[in-house]
Amino acid sequence: MLIVMNPADSALDTAALAYARALLRKPMRRQRMGPVLAAAAFAALSAVTFATVMIMAPPAVVQHLPSDRLGE
């Protein structure tokens, strides 16, 4: 005759086992948000600065093309 034991009747305390496993697990390192936010702010500031300089800069070509070069 085969006797099957109910898992609820086990001599092991499942809550204590779960607590012990949690203590043995490696702690997860949390990512620091400061460097990430600083990099994003630097990229945004660089983009705005570059756009401002491109708008405010004088045109690269100041000499107009002669009309014979325009095909007229």
C-alpha atoms as a PDB file:
ATOM      1  CA  MET A   1       0.000   0.000   0.000  1.00  0.00           C
ATOM      2  CA  LEU A   2       1.336   3.434  -1.017  1.00  0.00           C
ATOM      3  CA  ILE A   3       0.896   6.241   1.477  1.00  0.00           C
ATOM      4  CA  VAL A   4       0.929   9.740   0.000  1.00  0.00           C
ATOM      5  CA  MET A   5       1.710  12.550   2.408  1.00  0.00           C
ATOM      6  CA  ASN A   6      -0.141  15.818   2.102  1.00  0.00           C
ATOM      7  CA  PRO A   7       2.338  18.722   1.541  1.00  0.00           C
ATOM      8  CA  ALA A   8       0.484  20.708   4.180  1.00  0.00           C
ATOM      9  CA  ASP A   9       1.458  18.074   6.779  1.00  0.00           C
ATOM     10  CA  SER A  10       5.180  18.511   6.114  1.00  0.00           C
ATOM     11  CA  ALA A  11       7.549  18.942   9.039  1.00  0.00           C
ATOM     12  CA  LEU A  12       9.289  21.790   7.200  1.00  0.00           C
ATOM     13  CA  ASP A  13       8.026  25.306   7.810  1.00  0.00           C
ATOM     14  CA  THR A  14       7.432  26.791   4.356  1.00  0.00           C
ATOM     15  CA  ALA A  15       7.431  30.375   5.660  1.00  0.00           C
ATOM     16  CA  ALA A  16      10.801  29.842   7.348  1.00  0.00           C
ATOM     17  CA  LEU A  17      12.209  28.261   4.180  1.00  0.00           C
ATOM     18  CA  ALA A  18      11.020  31.193   2.082  1.00  0.00           C
ATOM     19  CA  TYR A  19      12.581  33.633   4.556  1.00  0.00           C
ATOM     20  CA  ALA A  20      15.898  31.727   4.502  1.00  0.00           C
ATOM     21  CA  ARG A  21      15.914  31.667   0.690  1.00  0.00           C
ATOM     22  CA  ALA A  22      15.249  35.404   0.627  1.00  0.00           C
ATOM     23  CA  LEU A  23      18.192  35.991   2.963  1.00  0.00           C
ATOM     24  CA  LEU A  24      20.500  33.878   0.779  1.00  0.00           C
ATOM     25  CA  ARG A  25      19.484  35.595  -2.459  1.00  0.00           C
ATOM     26  CA  LYS A  26      21.875  38.244  -3.775  1.00  0.00           C
ATOM     27  CA  PRO A  27      20.608  41.762  -3.131  1.00  0.00           C
ATOM     28  CA  MET A  28      19.646  43.611  -6.291  1.00  0.00           C
ATOM     29  CA  ARG A  29      21.580  46.803  -6.949  1.00  0.00           C
ATOM     30  CA  ARG A  30      19.399  49.758  -7.709  1.00  0.00           C
ATOM     31  CA  GLN A  31      20.380  52.044 -10.571  1.00  0.00           C
ATOM     32  CA  ARG A  32      21.232  55.552  -9.450  1.00  0.00           C
ATOM     33  CA  MET A  33      19.206  58.104 -11.381  1.00  0.00           C
ATOM     34  CA  GLY A  34      21.559  61.063 -10.909  1.00  0.00           C
ATOM     35  CA  PRO A  35      24.032  60.202 -13.688  1.00  0.00           C
ATOM     36  CA  VAL A  36      21.216  59.239 -16.047  1.00  0.00           C
ATOM     37  CA  LEU A  37      19.389  62.517 -15.505  1.00  0.00           C
ATOM     38  CA  ALA A  38      22.627  64.499 -15.803  1.00  0.00           C
ATOM     39  CA  ALA A  39      23.410  62.869 -19.159  1.00  0.00           C
ATOM     40  CA  ALA A  40      19.876  63.547 -20.431  1.00  0.00           C
ATOM     41  CA  ALA A  41      20.049  67.179 -19.294  1.00  0.00           C
ATOM     42  CA  PHE A  42      23.445  67.611 -20.967  1.00  0.00           C
ATOM     43  CA  ALA A  43      22.123  66.164 -24.245  1.00  0.00           C
ATOM     44  CA  ALA A  44      19.054  68.422 -24.141  1.00  0.00           C
ATOM     45  CA  LEU A  45      21.124  71.513 -23.362  1.00  0.00           C
ATOM     46  CA  SER A  46      23.562  70.669 -26.159  1.00  0.00           C
ATOM     47  CA  ALA A  47      20.719  70.241 -28.650  1.00  0.00           C
ATOM     48  CA  VAL A  48      19.096  73.553 -27.696  1.00  0.00           C
ATOM     49  CA  THR A  49      22.457  75.348 -27.811  1.00  0.00           C
ATOM     50  CA  PHE A  50      23.289  73.891 -31.229  1.00  0.00           C
ATOM     51  CA  ALA A  51      19.869  74.881 -32.602  1.00  0.00           C
ATOM     52  CA  THR A  52      20.237  78.425 -31.239  1.00  0.00           C
ATOM     53  CA  VAL A  53      23.689  78.826 -32.751  1.00  0.00           C
ATOM     54  CA  MET A  54      22.490  77.535 -36.123  1.00  0.00           C
ATOM     55  CA  ILE A  55      19.643  80.064 -36.146  1.00  0.00           C
ATOM     56  CA  MET A  56      21.742  83.015 -34.982  1.00  0.00           C
ATOM     57  CA  ALA A  57      24.837  82.305 -37.103  1.00  0.00           C
ATOM     58  CA  PRO A  58      25.310  84.398 -40.220  1.00  0.00           C
ATOM     59  CA  PRO A  59      24.844  82.566 -43.505  1.00  0.00           C
ATOM     60  CA  ALA A  60      27.922  80.749 -44.759  1.00  0.00           C
ATOM     61  CA  VAL A  61      27.574  82.171 -48.302  1.00  0.00           C
ATOM     62  CA  VAL A  62      27.437  85.959 -48.397  1.00  0.00           C
ATOM     63  CA  GLN A  63      28.283  86.440 -52.069  1.00  0.00           C
ATOM     64  CA  HIS A  64      25.350  86.126 -54.432  1.00  0.00           C
ATOM     65  CA  LEU A  65      25.710  83.989 -57.500  1.00  0.00           C
ATOM     66  CA  PRO A  66      25.951  85.871 -60.799  1.00  0.00           C
ATOM     67  CA  SER A  67      22.886  85.639 -62.992  1.00  0.00           C
ATOM     68  CA  ASP A  68      24.798  83.713 -65.717  1.00  0.00           C
ATOM     69  CA  ARG A  69      25.442  80.901 -63.190  1.00  0.00           C
ATOM     70  CA  LEU A  70      21.747  80.761 -62.302  1.00  0.00           C
ATOM     71  CA  GLY A  71      20.797  79.889 -65.885  1.00  0.00           C
ATOM     72  CA  GLU A  72      18.923  83.079 -66.613  1.00  0.00           C
END
